[in-house]
Amino acid sequence: MTGDIPQNHAEFQAEVKGAQVGDHNVIYNYFYYREEVKPTSVDVADEYLPCPYRGLFHFGPNDADVFFGREIFIAELYSATQTHNFIPVLGASGSGKSSVVLAGLVPKLQKAGHWQFTHFRPGAVPFYALAEALIPLYAPELDQTDQIAQTRKLAGYLFNSTVSLADVFRKIQQNHPNHRLLLIADQFEEIYTLCNNQEIRRKFLDCLLASLETPTSLSSSATVLVTTMRADFLGNALSYRPFADVLQNADVKLGPMNREELTQVIEKPAQKLGVTFAAGLTEDF
């Protein structure tokens, strides 16, 4: 794909200018900081057991073996991918929306096979963030430097509607035959909190919505778009009628865990390390 972002879109140029790979916690591969904890006393057992809890860090695909308590909701999401191409996940801040998608749904689909995944957060420059997430699947032959250049070009083409997102999905499908694409837009409320340009915001929503197949023609190879968004931004989403129409009866709501689920979150990661709790210790919470 050749050509540069048209210069007559000054506002878009200003938003994109300076954006580089790594500016957003976005794409394709997931890396999470893990602190290495070392024994501080000679009294510590020779075989040191790592802490099985992630604390305030959210869970990613590599944490699926210690992610518990959301099995029912994960099964619901998995079922939805078989019949829906748009799955908006709504929940309160801190309810675990990102974790249930990245550490729950993604590993379950990986186990099923025949899926490709990529992930982004809209940030202040949503077209760039989207393009950055897609380029490794769209043009996998490029080195990292060329991917940066092509990301800027693709962002401009998507913004100008020169290339549609559906065109990009078709190319990815050609690159990965017999696979479906799961596109995850995490923390989707950022299009309201970080993207301050209403024109760009609406163009971005139009770009995403236009790529979705209608339910009556949903093909076995259809791309699935999953968004995670704080429920307190639902009013913002409903204020734009095209988005409101698509959201009707489509959202999946993530509520708080019940006692049984909370017990699993506490006990099962420790059990994987062969550690048990004193009787009744986890009952008083």
C-alpha atoms as a PDB file:
ATOM      1  CA  MET A   1       0.000   0.000   0.000  1.00  0.00           C
ATOM      2  CA  THR A   2       1.495   3.341  -1.024  1.00  0.00           C
ATOM      3  CA  GLY A   3       0.731   7.000  -0.587  1.00  0.00           C
ATOM      4  CA  ASP A   4       0.718   9.348   2.385  1.00  0.00           C
ATOM      5  CA  ILE A   5      -1.998  10.705   4.624  1.00  0.00           C
ATOM      6  CA  PRO A   6      -3.674  13.558   2.662  1.00  0.00           C
ATOM      7  CA  GLN A   7      -2.461  16.955   3.844  1.00  0.00           C
ATOM      8  CA  ASN A   8      -5.864  18.630   3.648  1.00  0.00           C
ATOM      9  CA  HIS A   9      -6.948  17.022   6.903  1.00  0.00           C
ATOM     10  CA  ALA A  10      -5.014  19.243   9.248  1.00  0.00           C
ATOM     11  CA  GLU A  11      -6.808  18.230  12.409  1.00  0.00           C
ATOM     12  CA  PHE A  12      -6.163  14.555  11.752  1.00  0.00           C
ATOM     13  CA  GLN A  13      -2.505  15.295  10.981  1.00  0.00           C
ATOM     14  CA  ALA A  14      -2.182  17.163  14.254  1.00  0.00           C
ATOM     15  CA  GLU A  15      -3.679  14.266  16.186  1.00  0.00           C
ATOM     16  CA  VAL A  16      -1.434  11.668  14.531  1.00  0.00           C
ATOM     17  CA  LYS A  17       1.782  13.705  14.430  1.00  0.00           C
ATOM     18  CA  GLY A  18       4.437  12.194  16.591  1.00  0.00           C
ATOM     19  CA  ALA A  19       2.594   8.956  17.296  1.00  0.00           C
ATOM     20  CA  GLN A  20       4.940   6.000  17.252  1.00  0.00           C
ATOM     21  CA  VAL A  21       4.784   2.320  18.100  1.00  0.00           C
ATOM     22  CA  GLY A  22       4.760   2.045  21.846  1.00  0.00           C
ATOM     23  CA  ASP A  23       2.857   5.252  22.545  1.00  0.00           C
ATOM     24  CA  HIS A  24      -0.171   3.214  23.558  1.00  0.00           C
ATOM     25  CA  ASN A  25      -0.556   0.041  25.572  1.00  0.00           C
ATOM     26  CA  VAL A  26      -1.957  -1.532  22.498  1.00  0.00           C
ATOM     27  CA  ILE A  27      -1.061  -4.228  20.211  1.00  0.00           C
ATOM     28  CA  TYR A  28      -0.764  -7.758  19.157  1.00  0.00           C
ATOM     29  CA  ASN A  29       1.695  -9.082  21.714  1.00  0.00           C
ATOM     30  CA  TYR A  30       1.067  -8.696  25.393  1.00  0.00           C
ATOM     31  CA  PHE A  31       3.846  -7.933  27.836  1.00  0.00           C
ATOM     32  CA  TYR A  32       3.190  -7.426  31.511  1.00  0.00           C
ATOM     33  CA  TYR A  33       5.593  -6.318  34.197  1.00  0.00           C
ATOM     34  CA  ARG A  34       6.318  -9.003  36.755  1.00  0.00           C
ATOM     35  CA  GLU A  35       8.405  -8.236  39.790  1.00  0.00           C
ATOM     36  CA  GLU A  36      10.943 -10.932  40.614  1.00  0.00           C
ATOM     37  CA  VAL A  37      10.655 -11.756  44.307  1.00  0.00           C
ATOM     38  CA  LYS A  38      13.641 -13.401  45.957  1.00  0.00           C
ATOM     39  CA  PRO A  39      13.930 -15.052  49.351  1.00  0.00           C
ATOM     40  CA  THR A  40      15.153 -12.667  52.023  1.00  0.00           C
ATOM     41  CA  SER A  41      15.906 -15.182  54.729  1.00  0.00           C
ATOM     42  CA  VAL A  42      17.805 -18.422  54.986  1.00  0.00           C
ATOM     43  CA  ASP A  43      14.731 -19.815  56.715  1.00  0.00           C
ATOM     44  CA  VAL A  44      12.822 -19.712  53.432  1.00  0.00           C
ATOM     45  CA  ALA A  45      12.372 -23.127  51.827  1.00  0.00           C
ATOM     46  CA  ASP A  46      14.850 -24.021  49.102  1.00  0.00           C
ATOM     47  CA  GLU A  47      12.096 -24.256  46.511  1.00  0.00           C
ATOM     48  CA  TYR A  48      10.655 -20.754  46.606  1.00  0.00           C
ATOM     49  CA  LEU A  49       7.002 -20.458  45.677  1.00  0.00           C
ATOM     50  CA  PRO A  50       6.076 -17.418  43.546  1.00  0.00           C
ATOM     51  CA  CYS A  51       3.092 -15.311  44.498  1.00  0.00           C
ATOM     52  CA  PRO A  52       0.109 -16.571  42.459  1.00  0.00           C
ATOM     53  CA  TYR A  53      -1.825 -13.292  42.712  1.00  0.00           C
ATOM     54  CA  ARG A  54      -1.486 -10.407  40.254  1.00  0.00           C
ATOM     55  CA  GLY A  55      -2.622  -7.728  42.687  1.00  0.00           C
ATOM     56  CA  LEU A  56      -3.745  -4.595  40.846  1.00  0.00           C
ATOM     57  CA  PHE A  57      -2.324  -5.702  37.482  1.00  0.00           C
ATOM     58  CA  HIS A  58      -4.882  -6.931  34.987  1.00  0.00           C
ATOM     59  CA  PHE A  59      -4.624 -10.436  33.603  1.00  0.00           C
ATOM     60  CA  GLY A  60      -3.415 -11.185  30.084  1.00  0.00           C
ATOM     61  CA  PRO A  61      -3.425 -14.281  27.869  1.00  0.00           C
ATOM     62  CA  ASN A  62      -0.365 -15.690  29.623  1.00  0.00           C
ATOM     63  CA  ASP A  63      -2.142 -15.536  32.980  1.00  0.00           C
ATOM     64  CA  ALA A  64      -5.024 -17.834  32.065  1.00  0.00           C
ATOM     65  CA  ASP A  65      -3.751 -20.583  34.378  1.00  0.00           C
ATOM     66  CA  VAL A  66      -4.225 -18.352  37.438  1.00  0.00           C
ATOM     67  CA  PHE A  67      -7.398 -16.568  36.322  1.00  0.00           C
ATOM     68  CA  PHE A  68     -10.444 -17.909  38.146  1.00  0.00           C
ATOM     69  CA  GLY A  69     -13.961 -16.945  39.120  1.00  0.00           C
ATOM     70  CA  ARG A  70     -15.349 -15.889  35.745  1.00  0.00           C
ATOM     71  CA  GLU A  71     -15.921 -19.251  34.067  1.00  0.00           C
ATOM     72  CA  ILE A  72     -19.655 -18.681  33.529  1.00  0.00           C
ATOM     73  CA  PHE A  73     -19.127 -15.268  31.961  1.00  0.00           C
ATOM     74  CA  ILE A  74     -16.275 -16.558  29.786  1.00  0.00           C
ATOM     75  CA  ALA A  75     -18.550 -19.302  28.483  1.00  0.00           C
ATOM     76  CA  GLU A  76     -21.161 -16.653  27.669  1.00  0.00           C
ATOM     77  CA  LEU A  77     -18.606 -14.615  25.724  1.00  0.00           C
ATOM     78  CA  TYR A  78     -17.364 -17.691  23.896  1.00  0.00           C
ATOM     79  CA  SER A  79     -20.897 -18.590  22.864  1.00  0.00           C
ATOM     80  CA  ALA A  80     -21.469 -15.042  21.632  1.00  0.00           C
ATOM     81  CA  THR A  81     -18.495 -15.256  19.253  1.00  0.00           C
ATOM     82  CA  GLN A  82     -20.286 -18.038  17.394  1.00  0.00           C
ATOM     83  CA  THR A  83     -23.351 -15.912  16.619  1.00  0.00           C
ATOM     84  CA  HIS A  84     -22.365 -12.235  16.951  1.00  0.00           C
ATOM     85  CA  ASN A  85     -19.723 -10.107  15.288  1.00  0.00           C
ATOM     86  CA  PHE A  86     -19.964  -7.279  17.829  1.00  0.00           C
ATOM     87  CA  ILE A  87     -19.734  -7.982  21.565  1.00  0.00           C
ATOM     88  CA  PRO A  88     -19.650  -4.870  23.760  1.00  0.00           C
ATOM     89  CA  VAL A  89     -18.684  -5.775  27.330  1.00  0.00           C
ATOM     90  CA  LEU A  90     -19.933  -3.260  29.899  1.00  0.00           C
ATOM     91  CA  GLY A  91     -19.085  -3.131  33.568  1.00  0.00           C
ATOM     92  CA  ALA A  92     -18.119  -0.901  36.446  1.00  0.00           C
ATOM     93  CA  SER A  93     -14.599   0.462  36.716  1.00  0.00           C
ATOM     94  CA  GLY A  94     -12.359  -2.245  38.157  1.00  0.00           C
ATOM     95  CA  SER A  95     -14.828  -5.066  37.540  1.00  0.00           C
ATOM     96  CA  GLY A  96     -12.304  -7.022  35.458  1.00  0.00           C
ATOM     97  CA  LYS A  97     -13.560  -6.369  31.917  1.00  0.00           C
ATOM     98  CA  SER A  98     -10.091  -6.396  30.344  1.00  0.00           C
ATOM     99  CA  SER A  99      -9.009  -9.484  32.277  1.00  0.00           C
ATOM    100  CA  VAL A 100     -12.078 -11.534  31.420  1.00  0.00           C
ATOM    101  CA  VAL A 101     -11.543 -10.867  27.713  1.00  0.00           C
ATOM    102  CA  LEU A 102      -7.740 -11.161  27.571  1.00  0.00           C
ATOM    103  CA  ALA A 103      -7.212 -13.947  30.121  1.00  0.00           C
ATOM    104  CA  GLY A 104     -10.576 -15.655  29.700  1.00  0.00           C
ATOM    105  CA  LEU A 105     -12.022 -15.407  26.204  1.00  0.00           C
ATOM    106  CA  VAL A 106      -8.740 -15.215  24.261  1.00  0.00           C
ATOM    107  CA  PRO A 107      -7.180 -18.397  25.730  1.00  0.00           C
ATOM    108  CA  LYS A 108     -10.466 -20.274  25.320  1.00  0.00           C
ATOM    109  CA  LEU A 109     -10.590 -19.369  21.621  1.00  0.00           C
ATOM    110  CA  GLN A 110      -6.888 -20.149  21.224  1.00  0.00           C
ATOM    111  CA  LYS A 111      -7.561 -23.590  22.620  1.00  0.00           C
ATOM    112  CA  ALA A 112     -10.419 -24.040  20.154  1.00  0.00           C
ATOM    113  CA  GLY A 113      -8.046 -23.060  17.319  1.00  0.00           C
ATOM    114  CA  HIS A 114      -8.470 -21.202  14.027  1.00  0.00           C
ATOM    115  CA  TRP A 115      -8.418 -17.697  15.507  1.00  0.00           C
ATOM    116  CA  GLN A 116      -6.131 -14.702  15.086  1.00  0.00           C
ATOM    117  CA  PHE A 117      -6.140 -11.951  17.703  1.00  0.00           C
ATOM    118  CA  THR A 118      -5.100  -8.344  18.006  1.00  0.00           C
ATOM    119  CA  HIS A 119      -5.792  -5.691  20.597  1.00  0.00           C
ATOM    120  CA  PHE A 120      -5.724  -1.916  20.991  1.00  0.00           C
ATOM    121  CA  ARG A 121      -6.889   0.947  23.162  1.00  0.00           C
ATOM    122  CA  PRO A 122      -8.328   3.951  21.253  1.00  0.00           C
ATOM    123  CA  GLY A 123      -6.334   6.591  23.110  1.00  0.00           C
ATOM    124  CA  ALA A 124      -6.147  10.125  21.751  1.00  0.00           C
ATOM    125  CA  VAL A 125      -5.520   8.961  18.159  1.00  0.00           C
ATOM    126  CA  PRO A 126      -7.917   6.039  17.623  1.00  0.00           C
ATOM    127  CA  PHE A 127      -7.290   5.596  13.880  1.00  0.00           C
ATOM    128  CA  TYR A 128      -3.569   5.258  14.491  1.00  0.00           C
ATOM    129  CA  ALA A 129      -4.113   2.864  17.402  1.00  0.00           C
ATOM    130  CA  LEU A 130      -6.406   0.706  15.269  1.00  0.00           C
ATOM    131  CA  ALA A 131      -3.998   0.660  12.329  1.00  0.00           C
ATOM    132  CA  GLU A 132      -1.090  -0.162  14.636  1.00  0.00           C
ATOM    133  CA  ALA A 133      -2.952  -3.201  15.910  1.00  0.00           C
ATOM    134  CA  LEU A 134      -3.882  -4.436  12.430  1.00  0.00           C
ATOM    135  CA  ILE A 135      -0.637  -3.942  10.502  1.00  0.00           C
ATOM    136  CA  PRO A 136       1.186  -7.032  11.904  1.00  0.00           C
ATOM    137  CA  LEU A 137      -1.635  -9.206  10.552  1.00  0.00           C
ATOM    138  CA  TYR A 138      -2.337  -7.095   7.450  1.00  0.00           C
ATOM    139  CA  ALA A 139       1.279  -6.845   6.262  1.00  0.00           C
ATOM    140  CA  PRO A 140       3.236  -9.452   8.258  1.00  0.00           C
ATOM    141  CA  GLU A 141       6.179  -9.386   5.840  1.00  0.00           C
ATOM    142  CA  LEU A 142       7.233  -5.872   6.885  1.00  0.00           C
ATOM    143  CA  ASP A 143      10.000  -5.177   9.374  1.00  0.00           C
ATOM    144  CA  GLN A 144       9.271  -2.967  12.363  1.00  0.00           C
ATOM    145  CA  THR A 145      10.436   0.248  10.685  1.00  0.00           C
ATOM    146  CA  ASP A 146       8.252  -0.329   7.638  1.00  0.00           C
ATOM    147  CA  GLN A 147       5.351  -1.238   9.915  1.00  0.00           C
ATOM    148  CA  ILE A 148       5.567   2.224  11.483  1.00  0.00           C
ATOM    149  CA  ALA A 149       5.346   3.875   8.047  1.00  0.00           C
ATOM    150  CA  GLN A 150       2.500   1.647   6.921  1.00  0.00           C
ATOM    151  CA  THR A 151       0.639   2.259  10.169  1.00  0.00           C
ATOM    152  CA  ARG A 152       0.584   5.992   9.467  1.00  0.00           C
ATOM    153  CA  LYS A 153      -0.591   5.393   5.893  1.00  0.00           C
ATOM    154  CA  LEU A 154      -3.315   2.951   6.885  1.00  0.00           C
ATOM    155  CA  ALA A 155      -4.535   5.299   9.623  1.00  0.00           C
ATOM    156  CA  GLY A 156      -4.938   8.042   7.035  1.00  0.00           C
ATOM    157  CA  TYR A 157      -6.686   5.782   4.543  1.00  0.00           C
ATOM    158  CA  LEU A 158      -9.153   4.591   7.173  1.00  0.00           C
ATOM    159  CA  PHE A 159      -9.805   8.164   8.308  1.00  0.00           C
ATOM    160  CA  ASN A 160     -10.472   9.318   4.737  1.00  0.00           C
ATOM    161  CA  SER A 161     -12.486   6.186   3.881  1.00  0.00           C
ATOM    162  CA  THR A 162     -10.061   5.557   1.015  1.00  0.00           C
ATOM    163  CA  VAL A 163      -9.720   2.037   2.378  1.00  0.00           C
ATOM    164  CA  SER A 164     -12.508   0.485   4.414  1.00  0.00           C
ATOM    165  CA  LEU A 165     -11.946  -1.561   7.527  1.00  0.00           C
ATOM    166  CA  ALA A 166     -13.831  -4.392   5.824  1.00  0.00           C
ATOM    167  CA  ASP A 167     -11.156  -4.314   3.072  1.00  0.00           C
ATOM    168  CA  VAL A 168      -8.466  -4.692   5.713  1.00  0.00           C
ATOM    169  CA  PHE A 169     -10.315  -7.606   7.308  1.00  0.00           C
ATOM    170  CA  ARG A 170     -10.570  -9.345   3.936  1.00  0.00           C
ATOM    171  CA  LYS A 171      -6.820  -8.978   3.378  1.00  0.00           C
ATOM    172  CA  ILE A 172      -6.094 -10.400   6.831  1.00  0.00           C
ATOM    173  CA  GLN A 173      -8.426 -13.288   6.013  1.00  0.00           C
ATOM    174  CA  GLN A 174      -6.417 -13.936   2.834  1.00  0.00           C
ATOM    175  CA  ASN A 175      -3.197 -13.889   4.851  1.00  0.00           C
ATOM    176  CA  HIS A 176      -4.639 -16.312   7.397  1.00  0.00           C
ATOM    177  CA  PRO A 177      -7.086 -18.613   5.595  1.00  0.00           C
ATOM    178  CA  ASN A 178      -9.279 -20.826   7.758  1.00  0.00           C
ATOM    179  CA  HIS A 179      -8.904 -18.398  10.652  1.00  0.00           C
ATOM    180  CA  ARG A 180     -11.240 -15.810  12.118  1.00  0.00           C
ATOM    181  CA  LEU A 181     -10.077 -12.476  13.487  1.00  0.00           C
ATOM    182  CA  LEU A 182     -10.889 -11.303  17.001  1.00  0.00           C
ATOM    183  CA  LEU A 183     -10.326  -7.546  17.252  1.00  0.00           C
ATOM    184  CA  ILE A 184     -10.352  -6.315  20.860  1.00  0.00           C
ATOM    185  CA  ALA A 185     -10.909  -2.612  21.572  1.00  0.00           C
ATOM    186  CA  ASP A 186     -10.055  -2.376  25.247  1.00  0.00           C
ATOM    187  CA  GLN A 187     -11.068   0.555  27.466  1.00  0.00           C
ATOM    188  CA  PHE A 188     -13.273   1.883  24.693  1.00  0.00           C
ATOM    189  CA  GLU A 189     -14.351   4.834  26.839  1.00  0.00           C
ATOM    190  CA  GLU A 190     -11.054   6.425  25.814  1.00  0.00           C
ATOM    191  CA  ILE A 191     -12.764   7.675  22.650  1.00  0.00           C
ATOM    192  CA  TYR A 192     -14.633  10.005  25.016  1.00  0.00           C
ATOM    193  CA  THR A 193     -11.968  10.663  27.665  1.00  0.00           C
ATOM    194  CA  LEU A 194      -8.878  11.023  25.448  1.00  0.00           C
ATOM    195  CA  CYS A 195     -10.127  11.751  21.924  1.00  0.00           C
ATOM    196  CA  ASN A 196     -11.359  15.334  22.170  1.00  0.00           C
ATOM    197  CA  ASN A 197     -12.162  15.807  18.484  1.00  0.00           C
ATOM    198  CA  GLN A 198     -15.824  14.950  17.888  1.00  0.00           C
ATOM    199  CA  GLU A 199     -15.371  14.644  14.110  1.00  0.00           C
ATOM    200  CA  ILE A 200     -12.581  12.079  14.527  1.00  0.00           C
ATOM    201  CA  ARG A 201     -14.596  10.250  17.186  1.00  0.00           C
ATOM    202  CA  ARG A 202     -17.650   9.909  14.950  1.00  0.00           C
ATOM    203  CA  LYS A 203     -15.587   8.970  11.901  1.00  0.00           C
ATOM    204  CA  PHE A 204     -13.923   6.281  13.980  1.00  0.00           C
ATOM    205  CA  LEU A 205     -17.242   4.886  15.169  1.00  0.00           C
ATOM    206  CA  ASP A 206     -18.566   4.953  11.598  1.00  0.00           C
ATOM    207  CA  CYS A 207     -15.435   3.119  10.446  1.00  0.00           C
ATOM    208  CA  LEU A 208     -15.941   0.343  12.984  1.00  0.00           C
ATOM    209  CA  LEU A 209     -19.689   0.034  12.505  1.00  0.00           C
ATOM    210  CA  ALA A 210     -19.442  -0.100   8.709  1.00  0.00           C
ATOM    211  CA  SER A 211     -17.150  -3.127   8.972  1.00  0.00           C
ATOM    212  CA  LEU A 212     -19.678  -5.262  10.821  1.00  0.00           C
ATOM    213  CA  GLU A 213     -21.653  -7.840   8.891  1.00  0.00           C
ATOM    214  CA  THR A 214     -25.374  -7.893   9.528  1.00  0.00           C
ATOM    215  CA  PRO A 215     -26.532 -10.785  11.725  1.00  0.00           C
ATOM    216  CA  THR A 216     -28.594 -12.228   8.885  1.00  0.00           C
ATOM    217  CA  SER A 217     -25.482 -12.600   6.709  1.00  0.00           C
ATOM    218  CA  LEU A 218     -22.918 -13.479   9.370  1.00  0.00           C
ATOM    219  CA  SER A 219     -20.366 -15.753   7.734  1.00  0.00           C
ATOM    220  CA  SER A 220     -18.265 -18.442   9.377  1.00  0.00           C
ATOM    221  CA  SER A 221     -15.175 -16.295   8.740  1.00  0.00           C
ATOM    222  CA  ALA A 222     -16.615 -13.017  10.028  1.00  0.00           C
ATOM    223  CA  THR A 223     -14.384 -10.804  12.157  1.00  0.00           C
ATOM    224  CA  VAL A 224     -15.563 -10.409  15.743  1.00  0.00           C
ATOM    225  CA  LEU A 225     -15.181  -7.017  17.426  1.00  0.00           C
ATOM    226  CA  VAL A 226     -15.119  -7.073  21.221  1.00  0.00           C
ATOM    227  CA  THR A 227     -15.112  -3.786  23.116  1.00  0.00           C
ATOM    228  CA  THR A 228     -14.722  -3.276  26.850  1.00  0.00           C
ATOM    229  CA  MET A 229     -16.191  -0.078  28.241  1.00  0.00           C
ATOM    230  CA  ARG A 230     -17.050   1.342  31.628  1.00  0.00           C
ATOM    231  CA  ALA A 231     -20.811   1.319  32.118  1.00  0.00           C
ATOM    232  CA  ASP A 232     -20.842   4.962  33.218  1.00  0.00           C
ATOM    233  CA  PHE A 233     -19.966   5.923  29.621  1.00  0.00           C
ATOM    234  CA  LEU A 234     -22.987   4.167  28.141  1.00  0.00           C
ATOM    235  CA  GLY A 235     -24.799   7.502  27.978  1.00  0.00           C
ATOM    236  CA  ASN A 236     -22.013   8.906  25.810  1.00  0.00           C
ATOM    237  CA  ALA A 237     -22.263   5.923  23.489  1.00  0.00           C
ATOM    238  CA  LEU A 238     -26.045   6.215  23.212  1.00  0.00           C
ATOM    239  CA  SER A 239     -25.804   9.909  22.308  1.00  0.00           C
ATOM    240  CA  TYR A 240     -24.642   8.941  18.796  1.00  0.00           C
ATOM    241  CA  ARG A 241     -27.622   7.303  17.099  1.00  0.00           C
ATOM    242  CA  PRO A 242     -25.753   4.907  14.751  1.00  0.00           C
ATOM    243  CA  PHE A 243     -23.816   3.529  17.720  1.00  0.00           C
ATOM    244  CA  ALA A 244     -26.954   3.412  19.863  1.00  0.00           C
ATOM    245  CA  ASP A 245     -28.746   1.368  17.196  1.00  0.00           C
ATOM    246  CA  VAL A 246     -25.980  -1.247  17.136  1.00  0.00           C
ATOM    247  CA  LEU A 247     -25.844  -1.421  20.932  1.00  0.00           C
ATOM    248  CA  GLN A 248     -29.520  -2.334  21.225  1.00  0.00           C
ATOM    249  CA  ASN A 249     -29.694  -5.763  22.883  1.00  0.00           C
ATOM    250  CA  ALA A 250     -26.032  -6.390  22.007  1.00  0.00           C
ATOM    251  CA  ASP A 251     -24.141  -5.506  25.179  1.00  0.00           C
ATOM    252  CA  VAL A 252     -22.977  -8.093  27.690  1.00  0.00           C
ATOM    253  CA  LYS A 253     -22.923  -6.805  31.265  1.00  0.00           C
ATOM    254  CA  LEU A 254     -20.246  -7.908  33.714  1.00  0.00           C
ATOM    255  CA  GLY A 255     -21.500  -7.747  37.288  1.00  0.00           C
ATOM    256  CA  PRO A 256     -19.619  -8.227  40.566  1.00  0.00           C
ATOM    257  CA  MET A 257     -18.520 -11.698  41.638  1.00  0.00           C
ATOM    258  CA  ASN A 258     -20.669 -13.716  43.996  1.00  0.00           C
ATOM    259  CA  ARG A 259     -19.265 -15.435  47.094  1.00  0.00           C
ATOM    260  CA  GLU A 260     -18.477 -18.701  45.308  1.00  0.00           C
ATOM    261  CA  GLU A 261     -16.578 -16.865  42.547  1.00  0.00           C
ATOM    262  CA  LEU A 262     -14.628 -14.793  45.059  1.00  0.00           C
ATOM    263  CA  THR A 263     -13.677 -17.947  46.926  1.00  0.00           C
ATOM    264  CA  GLN A 264     -12.301 -19.423  43.698  1.00  0.00           C
ATOM    265  CA  VAL A 265     -10.275 -16.262  43.062  1.00  0.00           C
ATOM    266  CA  ILE A 266      -8.646 -16.587  46.490  1.00  0.00           C
ATOM    267  CA  GLU A 267      -8.191 -20.322  46.836  1.00  0.00           C
ATOM    268  CA  LYS A 268      -7.513 -21.766  43.379  1.00  0.00           C
ATOM    269  CA  PRO A 269      -4.328 -19.832  42.464  1.00  0.00           C
ATOM    270  CA  ALA A 270      -2.781 -20.974  45.751  1.00  0.00           C
ATOM    271  CA  GLN A 271      -3.966 -24.541  45.220  1.00  0.00           C
ATOM    272  CA  LYS A 272      -2.088 -24.662  41.900  1.00  0.00           C
ATOM    273  CA  LEU A 273       1.095 -24.184  43.930  1.00  0.00           C
ATOM    274  CA  GLY A 274       0.120 -26.857  46.440  1.00  0.00           C
ATOM    275  CA  VAL A 275      -0.730 -24.318  49.126  1.00  0.00           C
ATOM    276  CA  THR A 276      -3.850 -24.660  51.258  1.00  0.00           C
ATOM    277  CA  PHE A 277      -5.621 -22.295  53.634  1.00  0.00           C
ATOM    278  CA  ALA A 278      -6.462 -22.935  57.248  1.00  0.00           C
ATOM    279  CA  ALA A 279     -10.016 -24.205  57.686  1.00  0.00           C
ATOM    280  CA  GLY A 280     -12.527 -21.373  57.568  1.00  0.00           C
ATOM    281  CA  LEU A 281      -9.941 -18.712  56.681  1.00  0.00           C
ATOM    282  CA  THR A 282     -11.577 -17.780  53.383  1.00  0.00           C
ATOM    283  CA  GLU A 283     -15.132 -17.808  54.711  1.00  0.00           C
ATOM    284  CA  ASP A 284     -15.040 -14.420  56.436  1.00  0.00           C
ATOM    285  CA  PHE A 285     -14.934 -11.910  53.580  1.00  0.00           C
END
